[in-house]
N, C-alpha and C. Protein backbone atom coordinates (compact mmCIF):
# COMPACT_ATOMS: atom_id res chain seq x y z
N MET A 1 -0.26 13.65 9.58
CA MET A 1 1.54 13.22 9.88
C MET A 1 1.18 11.69 10.18
N THR A 2 0.52 11.15 11.39
CA THR A 2 0.56 10.01 11.77
C THR A 2 -0.48 9.36 10.49
N ILE A 3 -1.46 9.55 10.09
CA ILE A 3 -2.29 8.41 9.31
C ILE A 3 -1.50 8.60 8.46
N THR A 4 -0.84 9.23 7.58
CA THR A 4 0.52 9.48 6.18
C THR A 4 1.66 8.29 6.89
N GLY A 5 2.48 8.32 7.91
CA GLY A 5 3.43 7.75 8.63
C GLY A 5 2.87 6.23 8.59
N LEU A 6 0.87 5.83 9.22
CA LEU A 6 0.71 4.84 9.72
C LEU A 6 0.62 3.45 8.14
N VAL A 7 -0.37 4.64 7.27
CA VAL A 7 -0.28 4.44 6.49
C VAL A 7 0.78 3.57 5.10
N GLY A 8 1.08 4.87 5.15
CA GLY A 8 2.83 4.41 4.29
C GLY A 8 3.51 3.14 4.79
N ALA A 9 3.55 2.94 6.07
CA ALA A 9 4.73 2.26 6.34
C ALA A 9 4.11 1.02 5.77
N PHE A 10 2.78 0.23 6.07
CA PHE A 10 1.86 -0.59 5.06
C PHE A 10 1.93 -0.60 4.70
N PHE A 11 1.71 0.12 3.78
CA PHE A 11 2.04 -0.14 2.27
C PHE A 11 3.06 -0.13 1.37
N PHE A 12 5.38 0.30 2.11
CA PHE A 12 6.18 -0.04 1.81
C PHE A 12 6.68 -1.44 2.48
N LEU A 13 6.38 -1.71 3.22
CA LEU A 13 6.16 -2.62 4.48
C LEU A 13 6.38 -3.73 2.93
N HIS A 14 5.38 -3.80 2.10
CA HIS A 14 5.75 -5.37 0.73
C HIS A 14 6.45 -5.54 0.58
N TYR A 15 7.81 -4.35 0.61
CA TYR A 15 9.55 -5.58 0.11
C TYR A 15 9.18 -6.53 0.79
N PHE A 16 8.89 -6.59 1.94
CA PHE A 16 9.23 -8.58 2.66
C PHE A 16 8.35 -9.25 2.14
N PHE A 17 7.56 -9.41 1.77
CA PHE A 17 6.34 -10.58 1.16
C PHE A 17 6.69 -9.96 0.74
N ALA A 18 6.39 -12.12 -0.34
CA ALA A 18 6.17 -12.47 -1.34
C ALA A 18 4.30 -12.00 -2.12
N SER A 19 3.53 -11.78 -1.52
CA SER A 19 1.89 -11.91 -2.30
C SER A 19 1.72 -11.00 -1.12
N ILE A 20 0.75 -10.37 -2.33
CA ILE A 20 -0.39 -9.89 -1.65
C ILE A 20 -1.57 -10.06 -0.25
N THR A 21 -1.34 -11.67 -0.06
CA THR A 21 -1.85 -12.38 1.03
C THR A 21 -1.79 -12.51 1.93
N ALA A 22 -0.48 -12.60 1.80
CA ALA A 22 0.84 -12.55 3.13
C ALA A 22 0.74 -11.77 3.01
N HIS A 23 0.86 -9.90 3.17
CA HIS A 23 0.71 -9.60 3.51
C HIS A 23 -0.66 -8.74 3.66
N THR A 24 -1.07 -8.96 3.55
CA THR A 24 -2.80 -8.37 4.20
C THR A 24 -2.52 -9.60 5.38
N SER A 25 -2.79 -10.45 5.20
CA SER A 25 -2.85 -11.49 6.21
C SER A 25 -1.83 -11.62 7.34
N ALA A 26 -0.64 -10.92 7.20
CA ALA A 26 0.20 -10.54 8.30
C ALA A 26 0.08 -9.27 9.07
N LEU A 27 0.09 -8.37 8.40
CA LEU A 27 0.08 -7.30 8.23
C LEU A 27 -1.30 -6.36 9.45
N LEU A 28 -1.83 -6.77 8.21
CA LEU A 28 -3.59 -6.29 8.46
C LEU A 28 -3.76 -5.72 9.18
N PRO A 29 -4.55 -7.36 10.22
CA PRO A 29 -4.78 -6.75 11.21
C PRO A 29 -4.16 -6.51 12.64
N VAL A 30 -2.55 -6.13 12.31
CA VAL A 30 -1.93 -5.29 13.65
C VAL A 30 -2.26 -4.29 13.21
N PHE A 31 -1.77 -3.66 12.33
CA PHE A 31 -2.13 -2.40 11.77
C PHE A 31 -3.85 -1.27 12.60
N LEU A 32 -4.36 -2.57 12.16
CA LEU A 32 -5.69 -1.93 12.26
C LEU A 32 -5.73 -1.79 14.06
N GLY A 33 -5.82 -2.35 14.46
CA GLY A 33 -4.53 -3.17 15.96
C GLY A 33 -4.56 -1.75 16.66
N ILE A 34 -3.14 -1.80 16.72
CA ILE A 34 -2.66 0.03 16.22
C ILE A 34 -3.30 0.69 16.29
N ALA A 35 -4.46 1.07 15.12
CA ALA A 35 -4.81 2.58 13.85
C ALA A 35 -6.23 2.99 14.98
N ILE A 36 -5.98 1.45 15.33
CA ILE A 36 -8.03 1.20 16.30
C ILE A 36 -7.14 2.49 17.72
N LYS A 37 -7.04 2.55 17.72
CA LYS A 37 -5.71 2.67 19.42
C LYS A 37 -5.68 4.50 19.42
N ILE A 38 -4.76 5.25 17.60
CA ILE A 38 -6.18 6.72 18.16
C ILE A 38 -6.77 6.80 17.69
N PRO A 39 -7.57 8.10 19.27
CA PRO A 39 -9.27 8.67 18.39
C PRO A 39 -9.91 9.36 18.23
N ILE A 40 -8.14 9.75 17.73
CA ILE A 40 -8.14 11.32 15.97
C ILE A 40 -9.29 10.06 14.73
N VAL A 41 -8.96 9.33 14.96
CA VAL A 41 -9.64 8.91 12.99
C VAL A 41 -10.41 8.18 13.65
N PRO A 42 -11.98 7.51 13.16
CA PRO A 42 -13.06 6.40 13.28
C PRO A 42 -11.94 4.79 12.34
N PRO A 43 -12.62 4.14 13.33
CA PRO A 43 -11.60 2.86 13.66
C PRO A 43 -12.31 2.45 12.10
N LEU A 44 -13.11 3.04 11.16
CA LEU A 44 -13.69 2.64 9.55
C LEU A 44 -12.49 3.04 9.42
N VAL A 45 -12.67 4.52 8.76
CA VAL A 45 -10.92 5.32 7.99
C VAL A 45 -10.07 4.67 8.18
N TRP A 46 -9.87 4.71 9.84
CA TRP A 46 -8.48 3.68 9.50
C TRP A 46 -8.44 2.37 8.61
N ALA A 47 -9.36 1.39 8.17
CA ALA A 47 -8.95 0.58 7.78
C ALA A 47 -9.69 0.78 7.00
N LEU A 48 -10.54 1.31 5.74
CA LEU A 48 -10.48 1.76 4.16
C LEU A 48 -9.37 2.38 3.71
N LEU A 49 -7.94 3.43 4.74
CA LEU A 49 -7.52 4.08 4.40
C LEU A 49 -6.08 3.30 3.96
N LEU A 50 -6.11 1.59 5.04
CA LEU A 50 -5.40 0.87 3.87
C LEU A 50 -5.34 -0.67 4.33
N ALA A 51 -6.82 -0.41 3.61
CA ALA A 51 -7.48 -1.67 2.76
C ALA A 51 -7.33 -1.07 0.85
N TYR A 52 -6.98 0.50 1.12
CA TYR A 52 -7.39 1.29 -0.30
C TYR A 52 -6.00 0.50 -0.42
N THR A 53 -5.13 0.62 0.26
CA THR A 53 -2.88 0.81 -0.31
C THR A 53 -3.21 -0.71 -0.95
N LEU A 54 -3.94 -2.24 -0.52
CA LEU A 54 -3.84 -2.98 -1.44
C LEU A 54 -3.61 -3.23 -2.49
N GLY A 55 -4.94 -2.44 -3.33
CA GLY A 55 -4.39 -2.70 -4.73
C GLY A 55 -3.64 -1.52 -5.19
N LEU A 56 -2.83 -1.24 -4.55
CA LEU A 56 -1.59 -0.17 -5.13
C LEU A 56 -0.74 -1.26 -5.24
N ILE A 57 -0.17 -1.74 -4.16
CA ILE A 57 0.77 -2.78 -3.79
C ILE A 57 1.44 -3.88 -4.57
N GLY A 58 0.91 -3.66 -5.66
CA GLY A 58 1.20 -4.93 -7.37
C GLY A 58 2.35 -4.40 -7.63
N ILE A 59 2.10 -2.74 -8.04
CA ILE A 59 3.36 -2.13 -8.93
C ILE A 59 4.77 -2.72 -7.52
N LEU A 60 5.03 -2.35 -6.67
CA LEU A 60 6.75 -2.39 -5.76
C LEU A 60 7.47 -3.31 -5.96
N THR A 61 7.19 -4.59 -6.11
CA THR A 61 7.83 -5.91 -6.82
C THR A 61 7.85 -7.21 -8.65
N PRO A 62 8.13 -7.19 -8.70
CA PRO A 62 8.43 -7.99 -9.65
C PRO A 62 7.92 -9.45 -8.68
N TYR A 63 7.24 -9.67 -7.71
CA TYR A 63 6.00 -10.63 -7.17
C TYR A 63 5.80 -10.67 -6.58
N ALA A 64 5.50 -9.88 -6.79
CA ALA A 64 3.96 -8.75 -6.05
C ALA A 64 2.66 -9.47 -6.21
N SER A 65 2.70 -9.71 -7.10
CA SER A 65 0.78 -10.38 -8.10
C SER A 65 1.39 -10.37 -9.08
N GLY A 66 0.14 -11.58 -9.39
CA GLY A 66 -0.27 -13.22 -10.29
C GLY A 66 0.92 -12.04 -11.79
N GLN A 67 0.18 -11.15 -11.61
CA GLN A 67 0.94 -10.69 -13.68
C GLN A 67 2.66 -9.82 -13.91
N ASN A 68 2.41 -9.01 -12.70
CA ASN A 68 4.12 -8.88 -11.94
C ASN A 68 5.36 -10.21 -12.91
N ALA A 69 4.51 -11.50 -12.34
CA ALA A 69 5.64 -11.91 -13.37
C ALA A 69 5.66 -13.11 -13.99
N VAL A 70 4.39 -13.07 -15.21
CA VAL A 70 3.95 -13.00 -16.15
C VAL A 70 5.38 -11.40 -16.47
N TYR A 71 5.20 -10.24 -16.14
CA TYR A 71 5.85 -9.59 -17.18
C TYR A 71 7.44 -9.47 -17.27
N PHE A 72 7.69 -10.24 -15.21
CA PHE A 72 8.91 -10.12 -15.07
C PHE A 72 9.60 -11.29 -15.60
N GLY A 73 8.71 -12.77 -16.57
CA GLY A 73 9.57 -13.45 -16.56
C GLY A 73 10.06 -13.23 -18.41
N CYS A 74 8.54 -12.65 -18.78
CA CYS A 74 9.39 -12.78 -20.50
C CYS A 74 9.86 -11.79 -20.88
N GLY A 75 11.24 -10.92 -20.04
CA GLY A 75 11.83 -9.98 -20.43
C GLY A 75 11.33 -8.67 -20.69
N TYR A 76 10.03 -8.40 -21.13
CA TYR A 76 9.90 -6.90 -19.97
C TYR A 76 10.75 -5.41 -20.02
N ILE A 77 10.36 -6.26 -18.82
CA ILE A 77 11.47 -5.39 -18.16
C ILE A 77 12.17 -6.25 -17.21
N SER A 78 13.57 -5.47 -16.76
CA SER A 78 15.20 -5.98 -16.46
C SER A 78 14.38 -5.86 -14.80
N ARG A 79 15.39 -7.43 -14.18
CA ARG A 79 15.16 -7.32 -12.61
C ARG A 79 15.79 -5.45 -12.69
N ARG A 80 17.19 -5.01 -12.73
CA ARG A 80 17.17 -3.76 -11.65
C ARG A 80 15.70 -2.73 -11.86
N ASP A 81 15.51 -2.26 -13.29
CA ASP A 81 14.71 -1.48 -13.76
C ASP A 81 13.19 -1.88 -13.04
N TYR A 82 12.85 -3.05 -12.45
CA TYR A 82 11.74 -2.99 -11.96
C TYR A 82 11.72 -2.43 -10.07
N TRP A 83 12.61 -2.74 -9.72
CA TRP A 83 13.07 -2.66 -9.13
C TRP A 83 13.02 -1.06 -8.86
N VAL A 84 13.87 -0.38 -9.40
CA VAL A 84 13.69 0.84 -9.05
C VAL A 84 12.55 1.63 -9.60
N LEU A 85 11.50 1.71 -10.71
CA LEU A 85 10.06 1.75 -10.84
C LEU A 85 9.83 1.92 -10.60
N GLY A 86 9.68 0.48 -9.72
CA GLY A 86 9.32 -0.24 -8.55
C GLY A 86 8.53 0.57 -7.31
N VAL A 87 10.38 1.57 -6.24
CA VAL A 87 9.97 2.43 -5.76
C VAL A 87 9.73 3.53 -6.09
N ILE A 88 10.24 3.83 -7.75
CA ILE A 88 8.95 5.44 -8.35
C ILE A 88 7.67 5.48 -8.16
N LEU A 89 7.47 4.83 -9.03
CA LEU A 89 5.58 4.72 -8.38
C LEU A 89 5.16 4.18 -8.06
N GLY A 90 5.71 3.59 -6.80
CA GLY A 90 5.09 3.47 -5.36
C GLY A 90 5.18 4.17 -4.05
N ILE A 91 5.77 5.99 -4.65
CA ILE A 91 6.30 7.15 -4.35
C ILE A 91 4.86 8.08 -4.79
N VAL A 92 4.91 7.72 -6.90
CA VAL A 92 4.23 8.35 -6.87
C VAL A 92 2.41 8.04 -5.92
N PHE A 93 2.22 7.12 -6.28
CA PHE A 93 0.77 6.37 -6.73
C PHE A 93 1.01 6.06 -5.06
N PHE A 94 1.76 5.85 -3.75
CA PHE A 94 0.87 6.30 -2.90
C PHE A 94 0.56 8.85 -1.91
N GLY A 95 1.68 8.76 -2.93
CA GLY A 95 1.31 10.79 -2.37
C GLY A 95 -0.58 11.27 -3.10
N VAL A 96 0.29 10.74 -4.27
CA VAL A 96 -1.12 10.65 -5.08
C VAL A 96 -2.49 10.12 -4.15
N TYR A 97 -2.69 8.99 -3.95
CA TYR A 97 -3.56 8.38 -3.18
C TYR A 97 -3.78 9.60 -1.90
N MET A 98 -3.00 9.22 -0.41
CA MET A 98 -3.41 9.93 -0.72
C MET A 98 -3.60 11.92 0.00
N ALA A 99 -3.39 12.89 -1.42
CA ALA A 99 -3.05 13.64 -2.04
C ALA A 99 -4.98 13.74 -2.16
N ILE A 100 -5.76 11.99 -2.50
CA ILE A 100 -7.34 12.20 -3.06
C ILE A 100 -7.72 11.95 -1.23
N VAL A 101 -7.68 10.87 -1.10
CA VAL A 101 -8.66 10.87 0.27
C VAL A 101 -8.62 11.04 1.38
N LEU A 102 -7.89 11.46 1.49
CA LEU A 102 -7.64 12.78 3.08
C LEU A 102 -8.92 13.94 2.70
N PRO A 103 -8.48 14.63 1.78
CA PRO A 103 -9.58 14.92 1.74
C PRO A 103 -11.01 14.76 1.27
N TRP A 104 -10.88 13.47 0.47
CA TRP A 104 -12.35 12.50 0.09
C TRP A 104 -12.92 12.21 1.44
N PHE A 105 -12.37 11.54 2.20
CA PHE A 105 -12.78 11.72 3.49
C PHE A 105 -12.82 12.76 4.46
N ALA A 106 -12.76 13.71 5.22
CA ALA A 106 -12.89 15.10 4.95
C ALA A 106 -14.07 15.63 4.71
N PHE A 107 -14.46 15.81 3.40
CA PHE A 107 -15.57 16.27 3.01
C PHE A 107 -16.54 15.54 3.13
N LEU A 108 -16.34 13.34 3.43
CA LEU A 108 -17.60 12.32 3.74
C LEU A 108 -18.24 12.83 5.23
N LYS A 109 -16.98 13.76 5.09
CA LYS A 109 -17.09 13.07 7.44
C LYS A 109 -17.70 12.38 8.15
N ILE A 110 -16.58 11.10 7.78
CA ILE A 110 -17.02 10.44 8.43
C ILE A 110 -15.13 9.07 9.24
């Protein structure tokens, strides 16, 4: 539960940042510093859990990554639809991510 909560907070706090680079430079050191203090999970696993989500957060907002600006600017997706789909797909992607990665790390015993 702690892993899901901490990684989920890191994932969904991207709504407050204009780019993945800003999100990473501001939050990754803080979350990694907090997570390492939890003795149950090794620091390597925390680093991997947080870093892997950076590839998924590009779908959350129209300004989350470079290609999103092109789709949004060309009018393929409306502003409202982008935000609604971002929340829905963000929840789905995060759920699938946690369902795959936690058993995988347990299998690898890291």
